C-alpha atoms as a PDB file:
ATOM      1  CA  UNK A   1       3.642   4.508   2.999  1.00  0.00           C
ATOM      2  CA  UNK A   2       6.753   5.752   3.666  1.00  0.00           C
ATOM      3  CA  UNK A   3       5.995   5.884   7.317  1.00  0.00           C
ATOM      4  CA  UNK A   4       5.434   2.544   7.458  1.00  0.00           C
ATOM      5  CA  UNK A   5       8.510   1.166   5.924  1.00  0.00           C
ATOM      6  CA  UNK A   6      10.608   3.607   8.151  1.00  0.00           C
ATOM      7  CA  UNK A   7       8.887   1.669  11.137  1.00  0.00           C
ATOM      8  CA  UNK A   8       9.976  -1.469  10.270  1.00  0.00           C
ATOM      9  CA  UNK A   9      12.828  -0.855   8.464  1.00  0.00           C
ATOM     10  CA  UNK A  10      14.163   1.022  12.142  1.00  0.00           C
ATOM     11  CA  UNK A  11      13.181  -2.393  13.930  1.00  0.00           C
ATOM     12  CA  UNK A  12      14.662  -4.440  11.303  1.00  0.00           C
ATOM     13  CA  UNK A  13      18.349  -2.277  11.815  1.00  0.00           C
ATOM     14  CA  UNK A  14      17.730  -2.298  15.587  1.00  0.00           C
ATOM     15  CA  UNK A  15      17.780  -6.678  15.529  1.00  0.00           C
ATOM     16  CA  UNK A  16      20.475  -6.722  12.654  1.00  0.00           C
ATOM     17  CA  UNK A  17      22.293  -4.479  15.234  1.00  0.00           C
ATOM     18  CA  UNK A  18      21.912  -6.782  17.862  1.00  0.00           C
ATOM     19  CA  UNK A  19      22.523  -9.853  15.885  1.00  0.00           C
ATOM     20  CA  UNK A  20      26.084  -8.296  14.919  1.00  0.00           C
ATOM     21  CA  UNK A  21      26.573  -7.050  18.192  1.00  0.00           C
ATOM     22  CA  UNK A  22      27.176  -3.402  16.934  1.00  0.00           C
ATOM     23  CA  UNK A  23      25.927  -0.246  18.498  1.00  0.00           C
ATOM     24  CA  UNK A  24      22.538   0.740  16.884  1.00  0.00           C
ATOM     25  CA  UNK A  25      23.413   3.989  15.757  1.00  0.00           C
ATOM     26  CA  UNK A  26      26.217   2.477  13.557  1.00  0.00           C
ATOM     27  CA  UNK A  27      24.459   0.079  11.596  1.00  0.00           C
ATOM     28  CA  UNK A  28      21.736   2.656  10.501  1.00  0.00           C
ATOM     29  CA  UNK A  29      23.769   5.101   9.696  1.00  0.00           C
ATOM     30  CA  UNK A  30      22.681   8.765   9.636  1.00  0.00           C
ATOM     31  CA  UNK A  31      18.933   7.992   8.741  1.00  0.00           C
ATOM     32  CA  UNK A  32      17.751   9.545  11.989  1.00  0.00           C
ATOM     33  CA  UNK A  33      19.818  12.776  11.928  1.00  0.00           C
ATOM     34  CA  UNK A  34      18.613  12.764   8.228  1.00  0.00           C
ATOM     35  CA  UNK A  35      15.313  13.111   8.958  1.00  0.00           C
ATOM     36  CA  UNK A  36      16.020  14.991  12.512  1.00  0.00           C
ATOM     37  CA  UNK A  37      14.931  12.002  14.497  1.00  0.00           C
ATOM     38  CA  UNK A  38      17.952  11.377  16.806  1.00  0.00           C
ATOM     39  CA  UNK A  39      15.510  11.278  19.664  1.00  0.00           C
ATOM     40  CA  UNK A  40      13.071   8.532  18.093  1.00  0.00           C
ATOM     41  CA  UNK A  41      16.521   6.863  17.270  1.00  0.00           C
ATOM     42  CA  UNK A  42      17.270   6.567  21.213  1.00  0.00           C
ATOM     43  CA  UNK A  43      13.239   5.861  22.217  1.00  0.00           C
ATOM     44  CA  UNK A  44      13.574   2.715  20.038  1.00  0.00           C
ATOM     45  CA  UNK A  45      16.358   1.654  21.647  1.00  0.00           C
ATOM     46  CA  UNK A  46      14.844   2.170  24.151  1.00  0.00           C
ATOM     47  CA  UNK A  47      11.975   0.207  23.244  1.00  0.00           C
ATOM     48  CA  UNK A  48      13.806  -2.459  21.682  1.00  0.00           C
ATOM     49  CA  UNK A  49      15.905  -3.303  24.524  1.00  0.00           C
ATOM     50  CA  UNK A  50      12.686  -3.569  26.634  1.00  0.00           C
ATOM     51  CA  UNK A  51      11.655  -6.472  24.252  1.00  0.00           C
ATOM     52  CA  UNK A  52      14.593  -7.756  23.565  1.00  0.00           C
ATOM     53  CA  UNK A  53      15.025  -8.354  27.473  1.00  0.00           C
ATOM     54  CA  UNK A  54      11.619  -8.905  28.531  1.00  0.00           C
ATOM     55  CA  UNK A  55       9.933 -10.812  25.381  1.00  0.00           C
ATOM     56  CA  UNK A  56       7.743 -14.016  26.871  1.00  0.00           C
ATOM     57  CA  UNK A  57       8.832 -15.851  23.055  1.00  0.00           C
ATOM     58  CA  UNK A  58      11.021 -15.588  20.135  1.00  0.00           C
ATOM     59  CA  UNK A  59       9.629 -12.313  17.826  1.00  0.00           C
ATOM     60  CA  UNK A  60       9.984 -12.890  14.118  1.00  0.00           C
ATOM     61  CA  UNK A  61      11.701  -9.501  12.767  1.00  0.00           C
ATOM     62  CA  UNK A  62      13.108 -10.106   9.382  1.00  0.00           C
ATOM     63  CA  UNK A  63      16.440  -9.127   7.616  1.00  0.00           C
ATOM     64  CA  UNK A  64      16.833  -5.776   5.971  1.00  0.00           C
ATOM     65  CA  UNK A  65      16.911  -7.355   2.427  1.00  0.00           C
ATOM     66  CA  UNK A  66      13.832  -9.170   2.816  1.00  0.00           C
ATOM     67  CA  UNK A  67      10.125  -8.185   1.016  1.00  0.00           C
ATOM     68  CA  UNK A  68       8.020  -9.521   3.252  1.00  0.00           C
ATOM     69  CA  UNK A  69       6.536  -8.044   6.985  1.00  0.00           C
ATOM     70  CA  UNK A  70       6.071 -10.325   9.714  1.00  0.00           C
ATOM     71  CA  UNK A  71       3.391 -10.877  11.976  1.00  0.00           C
ATOM     72  CA  UNK A  72       5.489  -9.554  14.278  1.00  0.00           C
ATOM     73  CA  UNK A  73       6.734  -6.728  12.713  1.00  0.00           C
ATOM     74  CA  UNK A  74       2.539  -6.294  11.940  1.00  0.00           C
ATOM     75  CA  UNK A  75       1.934  -6.413  15.436  1.00  0.00           C
ATOM     76  CA  UNK A  76       4.798  -3.722  16.396  1.00  0.00           C
ATOM     77  CA  UNK A  77       3.384  -1.432  12.919  1.00  0.00           C
ATOM     78  CA  UNK A  78      -0.269  -1.535  14.478  1.00  0.00           C
ATOM     79  CA  UNK A  79       1.185  -0.847  18.018  1.00  0.00           C
ATOM     80  CA  UNK A  80       2.699   2.108  17.053  1.00  0.00           C
ATOM     81  CA  UNK A  81      -0.104   3.236  14.854  1.00  0.00           C
ATOM     82  CA  UNK A  82      -2.451   2.826  17.593  1.00  0.00           C
ATOM     83  CA  UNK A  83      -0.149   4.466  20.014  1.00  0.00           C
ATOM     84  CA  UNK A  84      -0.115   7.438  17.493  1.00  0.00           C
ATOM     85  CA  UNK A  85      -3.857   7.837  16.921  1.00  0.00           C
ATOM     86  CA  UNK A  86      -4.404   7.594  21.174  1.00  0.00           C
ATOM     87  CA  UNK A  87      -6.130   4.400  21.499  1.00  0.00           C
ATOM     88  CA  UNK A  88      -3.799   2.968  24.851  1.00  0.00           C
ATOM     89  CA  UNK A  89      -5.687  -0.469  24.717  1.00  0.00           C
ATOM     90  CA  UNK A  90      -5.043  -1.844  21.707  1.00  0.00           C
ATOM     91  CA  UNK A  91      -1.719  -0.743  21.964  1.00  0.00           C
ATOM     92  CA  UNK A  92      -1.100  -2.264  25.237  1.00  0.00           C
ATOM     93  CA  UNK A  93      -2.664  -5.360  23.719  1.00  0.00           C
ATOM     94  CA  UNK A  94       0.013  -5.238  21.009  1.00  0.00           C
ATOM     95  CA  UNK A  95       2.668  -4.798  23.412  1.00  0.00           C
ATOM     96  CA  UNK A  96       1.396  -7.935  25.168  1.00  0.00           C
ATOM     97  CA  UNK A  97       1.694  -9.972  22.764  1.00  0.00           C
ATOM     98  CA  UNK A  98       5.014 -10.217  23.180  1.00  0.00           C
ATOM     99  CA  UNK A  99       5.287  -9.350  26.925  1.00  0.00           C
ATOM    100  CA  UNK A 100       4.497 -10.281  30.343  1.00  0.00           C
ATOM    101  CA  UNK A 101       1.930  -6.715  31.681  1.00  0.00           C
ATOM    102  CA  UNK A 102       4.614  -5.429  33.606  1.00  0.00           C
ATOM    103  CA  UNK A 103       7.084  -5.148  30.959  1.00  0.00           C
ATOM    104  CA  UNK A 104       4.237  -4.126  28.611  1.00  0.00           C
ATOM    105  CA  UNK A 105       3.337  -1.184  30.865  1.00  0.00           C
ATOM    106  CA  UNK A 106       6.777  -0.067  30.709  1.00  0.00           C
ATOM    107  CA  UNK A 107       6.876  -0.517  27.315  1.00  0.00           C
ATOM    108  CA  UNK A 108       3.926   1.005  26.794  1.00  0.00           C
ATOM    109  CA  UNK A 109       5.084   4.871  27.950  1.00  0.00           C
ATOM    110  CA  UNK A 110       8.028   4.483  25.454  1.00  0.00           C
ATOM    111  CA  UNK A 111       6.124   3.344  22.267  1.00  0.00           C
ATOM    112  CA  UNK A 112       3.979   6.298  22.959  1.00  0.00           C
ATOM    113  CA  UNK A 113       7.057   8.641  22.792  1.00  0.00           C
ATOM    114  CA  UNK A 114       8.230   7.039  19.932  1.00  0.00           C
ATOM    115  CA  UNK A 115       4.930   7.822  18.246  1.00  0.00           C
ATOM    116  CA  UNK A 116       4.789  11.049  19.408  1.00  0.00           C
ATOM    117  CA  UNK A 117       8.436  11.789  17.813  1.00  0.00           C
ATOM    118  CA  UNK A 118       7.394   9.995  14.850  1.00  0.00           C
ATOM    119  CA  UNK A 119       4.151  11.641  14.356  1.00  0.00           C
ATOM    120  CA  UNK A 120       5.841  15.771  15.133  1.00  0.00           C
ATOM    121  CA  UNK A 121       8.033  14.622  11.839  1.00  0.00           C
ATOM    122  CA  UNK A 122       4.615  13.609  10.247  1.00  0.00           C
ATOM    123  CA  UNK A 123       5.568  10.190   9.946  1.00  0.00           C
ATOM    124  CA  UNK A 124       1.533   9.015  10.633  1.00  0.00           C
ATOM    125  CA  UNK A 125       1.172   5.562  10.606  1.00  0.00           C
ATOM    126  CA  UNK A 126      -2.367   3.902   9.985  1.00  0.00           C
ATOM    127  CA  UNK A 127      -3.319   0.329  11.606  1.00  0.00           C
ATOM    128  CA  UNK A 128      -3.353  -2.166   8.870  1.00  0.00           C
ATOM    129  CA  UNK A 129      -6.955  -4.295   8.668  1.00  0.00           C
ATOM    130  CA  UNK A 130      -4.558  -7.370   9.048  1.00  0.00           C
ATOM    131  CA  UNK A 131      -3.040  -6.271  12.430  1.00  0.00           C
ATOM    132  CA  UNK A 132      -5.318  -8.341  14.229  1.00  0.00           C
ATOM    133  CA  UNK A 133      -4.762 -11.316  12.490  1.00  0.00           C
ATOM    134  CA  UNK A 134      -1.065 -10.441  13.155  1.00  0.00           C
ATOM    135  CA  UNK A 135      -1.939 -10.054  16.365  1.00  0.00           C
ATOM    136  CA  UNK A 136      -3.803 -13.609  16.885  1.00  0.00           C
ATOM    137  CA  UNK A 137      -1.188 -15.420  14.906  1.00  0.00           C
ATOM    138  CA  UNK A 138       1.821 -13.989  17.122  1.00  0.00           C
ATOM    139  CA  UNK A 139       0.145 -14.955  20.388  1.00  0.00           C
ATOM    140  CA  UNK A 140      -0.556 -18.204  19.299  1.00  0.00           C
ATOM    141  CA  UNK A 141       3.412 -18.364  18.739  1.00  0.00           C
ATOM    142  CA  UNK A 142       2.386 -21.254  16.113  1.00  0.00           C
ATOM    143  CA  UNK A 143       5.271 -22.086  13.411  1.00  0.00           C
ATOM    144  CA  UNK A 144       1.602 -22.625  11.017  1.00  0.00           C
ATOM    145  CA  UNK A 145       1.511 -18.572  10.435  1.00  0.00           C
ATOM    146  CA  UNK A 146       4.839 -18.545   8.679  1.00  0.00           C
ATOM    147  CA  UNK A 147       3.222 -20.707   5.713  1.00  0.00           C
ATOM    148  CA  UNK A 148       0.388 -17.642   5.406  1.00  0.00           C
ATOM    149  CA  UNK A 149       1.372 -14.847   3.014  1.00  0.00           C
ATOM    150  CA  UNK A 150       2.821 -11.688   4.094  1.00  0.00           C
ATOM    151  CA  UNK A 151       2.387  -8.520   3.690  1.00  0.00           C
ATOM    152  CA  UNK A 152       4.743  -7.426   1.291  1.00  0.00           C
ATOM    153  CA  UNK A 153       7.508  -4.197   2.066  1.00  0.00           C
ATOM    154  CA  UNK A 154       8.382  -1.891  -1.127  1.00  0.00           C
END
């Protein structure tokens, strides 16, 4: 679904901007503006800054051209979907795969705000069945998870 593709694309753009040392707004172009999602762009930036500064391990966010979704990208997707559907424990658990408890508590409110902003634009995400598997693989931080098939982003 478009909402899922948009969420994953947004995180990929944010990471691309970080790697290029460019402003997130410059790399994302006018995409958020076209969808009247400028507040969501700012909240996503806030969330990813928390993640980038508080991550307890390396996080696998793929390049913009990659057609496969990493377990960490699915973890983000499912945490955002959980936040949208009002499942706080599942959303927090997703954040805990990346962050220490205190950082996850801070990030949780931001994740909920992002979910609400996307939802108000009719961008509703549905948690995927593979989310629990992705969480477990991401938590284990074993390189072996990279050998399994990834969902494809169309």
